[in-house]
C-alpha atoms as a PDB file:
ATOM      1  CA  UNK A   1     -29.408 -41.566-182.232  1.00  0.00           C
ATOM      2  CA  UNK A   2     -28.392 -43.123-178.877  1.00  0.00           C
ATOM      3  CA  UNK A   3     -27.309 -40.998-175.949  1.00  0.00           C
ATOM      4  CA  UNK A   4     -23.533 -41.592-176.486  1.00  0.00           C
ATOM      5  CA  UNK A   5     -23.874 -40.344-180.065  1.00  0.00           C
ATOM      6  CA  UNK A   6     -25.999 -37.255-179.293  1.00  0.00           C
ATOM      7  CA  UNK A   7     -24.965 -34.112-181.154  1.00  0.00           C
ATOM      8  CA  UNK A   8     -25.814 -31.614-178.374  1.00  0.00           C
ATOM      9  CA  UNK A   9     -24.266 -32.333-175.023  1.00  0.00           C
ATOM     10  CA  UNK A  10     -24.848 -30.914-171.572  1.00  0.00           C
ATOM     11  CA  UNK A  11     -21.775 -29.646-169.735  1.00  0.00           C
ATOM     12  CA  UNK A  12     -21.778 -32.801-167.641  1.00  0.00           C
ATOM     13  CA  UNK A  13     -21.643 -35.049-170.739  1.00  0.00           C
ATOM     14  CA  UNK A  14     -19.257 -32.673-172.557  1.00  0.00           C
ATOM     15  CA  UNK A  15     -17.001 -32.807-169.531  1.00  0.00           C
ATOM     16  CA  UNK A  16     -16.825 -36.592-169.845  1.00  0.00           C
ATOM     17  CA  UNK A  17     -16.341 -36.404-173.660  1.00  0.00           C
ATOM     18  CA  UNK A  18     -13.560 -33.818-173.438  1.00  0.00           C
ATOM     19  CA  UNK A  19     -12.034 -35.201-170.240  1.00  0.00           C
ATOM     20  CA  UNK A  20     -12.028 -31.754-168.614  1.00  0.00           C
ATOM     21  CA  UNK A  21     -13.992 -30.342-165.681  1.00  0.00           C
ATOM     22  CA  UNK A  22     -17.298 -28.442-166.130  1.00  0.00           C
ATOM     23  CA  UNK A  23     -15.503 -25.448-164.570  1.00  0.00           C
ATOM     24  CA  UNK A  24     -12.954 -25.575-167.419  1.00  0.00           C
ATOM     25  CA  UNK A  25     -15.708 -25.798-170.046  1.00  0.00           C
ATOM     26  CA  UNK A  26     -17.458 -22.792-168.510  1.00  0.00           C
ATOM     27  CA  UNK A  27     -14.200 -20.809-168.628  1.00  0.00           C
ATOM     28  CA  UNK A  28     -13.791 -21.744-172.297  1.00  0.00           C
ATOM     29  CA  UNK A  29     -17.346 -20.720-173.104  1.00  0.00           C
ATOM     30  CA  UNK A  30     -16.988 -17.280-171.409  1.00  0.00           C
ATOM     31  CA  UNK A  31     -13.454 -16.665-172.667  1.00  0.00           C
ATOM     32  CA  UNK A  32     -13.087 -13.219-174.218  1.00  0.00           C
ATOM     33  CA  UNK A  33     -10.765 -14.610-176.964  1.00  0.00           C
ATOM     34  CA  UNK A  34     -12.219 -17.378-179.173  1.00  0.00           C
ATOM     35  CA  UNK A  35     -14.863 -18.668-176.843  1.00  0.00           C
ATOM     36  CA  UNK A  36     -16.223 -22.196-177.138  1.00  0.00           C
ATOM     37  CA  UNK A  37     -19.601 -22.034-178.984  1.00  0.00           C
ATOM     38  CA  UNK A  38     -22.511 -22.970-176.738  1.00  0.00           C
ATOM     39  CA  UNK A  39     -26.212 -22.280-176.376  1.00  0.00           C
ATOM     40  CA  UNK A  40     -28.393 -21.779-173.341  1.00  0.00           C
ATOM     41  CA  UNK A  41     -31.782 -23.385-173.373  1.00  0.00           C
ATOM     42  CA  UNK A  42     -33.769 -22.367-170.305  1.00  0.00           C
ATOM     43  CA  UNK A  43     -31.067 -22.844-167.567  1.00  0.00           C
ATOM     44  CA  UNK A  44     -29.120 -25.555-169.364  1.00  0.00           C
ATOM     45  CA  UNK A  45     -25.937 -24.900-171.413  1.00  0.00           C
ATOM     46  CA  UNK A  46     -25.439 -27.190-174.429  1.00  0.00           C
ATOM     47  CA  UNK A  47     -22.455 -27.622-176.646  1.00  0.00           C
ATOM     48  CA  UNK A  48     -22.635 -29.197-180.124  1.00  0.00           C
ATOM     49  CA  UNK A  49     -20.092 -32.023-180.279  1.00  0.00           C
ATOM     50  CA  UNK A  50     -19.045 -31.231-183.877  1.00  0.00           C
ATOM     51  CA  UNK A  51     -18.516 -27.498-183.032  1.00  0.00           C
ATOM     52  CA  UNK A  52     -16.434 -28.514-180.011  1.00  0.00           C
ATOM     53  CA  UNK A  53     -14.245 -30.767-182.225  1.00  0.00           C
ATOM     54  CA  UNK A  54     -13.653 -27.993-184.736  1.00  0.00           C
ATOM     55  CA  UNK A  55     -12.928 -25.456-181.877  1.00  0.00           C
ATOM     56  CA  UNK A  56     -10.463 -27.806-180.254  1.00  0.00           C
ATOM     57  CA  UNK A  57      -8.480 -28.407-183.446  1.00  0.00           C
ATOM     58  CA  UNK A  58      -7.816 -24.643-183.600  1.00  0.00           C
ATOM     59  CA  UNK A  59      -6.000 -24.957-180.259  1.00  0.00           C
ATOM     60  CA  UNK A  60      -3.249 -27.378-181.289  1.00  0.00           C
ATOM     61  CA  UNK A  61      -0.013 -26.994-179.392  1.00  0.00           C
ATOM     62  CA  UNK A  62       2.774 -25.708-181.543  1.00  0.00           C
ATOM     63  CA  UNK A  63       6.173 -27.375-181.272  1.00  0.00           C
ATOM     64  CA  UNK A  64       8.668 -25.148-179.395  1.00  0.00           C
ATOM     65  CA  UNK A  65      10.996 -25.133-182.392  1.00  0.00           C
ATOM     66  CA  UNK A  66       8.341 -23.339-184.408  1.00  0.00           C
ATOM     67  CA  UNK A  67       8.090 -20.481-181.905  1.00  0.00           C
ATOM     68  CA  UNK A  68      10.296 -17.420-182.245  1.00  0.00           C
ATOM     69  CA  UNK A  69      11.211 -17.171-178.524  1.00  0.00           C
ATOM     70  CA  UNK A  70      13.856 -14.564-179.178  1.00  0.00           C
ATOM     71  CA  UNK A  71      11.334 -12.393-180.980  1.00  0.00           C
ATOM     72  CA  UNK A  72       8.716 -12.829-178.176  1.00  0.00           C
ATOM     73  CA  UNK A  73      11.217 -11.889-175.499  1.00  0.00           C
ATOM     74  CA  UNK A  74      12.389  -8.846-177.515  1.00  0.00           C
ATOM     75  CA  UNK A  75       8.760  -7.672-177.966  1.00  0.00           C
ATOM     76  CA  UNK A  76       8.027  -8.082-174.238  1.00  0.00           C
ATOM     77  CA  UNK A  77      11.191  -6.233-173.242  1.00  0.00           C
ATOM     78  CA  UNK A  78      10.420  -3.401-175.698  1.00  0.00           C
ATOM     79  CA  UNK A  79       6.944  -3.124-174.238  1.00  0.00           C
ATOM     80  CA  UNK A  80       8.401  -2.848-170.745  1.00  0.00           C
ATOM     81  CA  UNK A  81      10.829  -0.184-171.789  1.00  0.00           C
ATOM     82  CA  UNK A  82       8.020   1.805-173.472  1.00  0.00           C
ATOM     83  CA  UNK A  83       5.712   1.393-170.426  1.00  0.00           C
ATOM     84  CA  UNK A  84       3.164  -0.918-172.068  1.00  0.00           C
END
């Protein structure tokens, strides 16, 4: 398989593929909630392209009309009132 079709990508190559910075990729990898799957081989971090694609589809932006903004605001205000 040629380099552009490689399954495992370094952060530099993944940065180009995803059009985000290496810093952003590192933040995603170390996120406490739903981190981007990655492996470390020696000192190099690699991300499998297919796993990135699946991970990314789980982060679709929901249209505003599908969000219950009134409910979110109500929950936040109730949390403040209760000291949470």
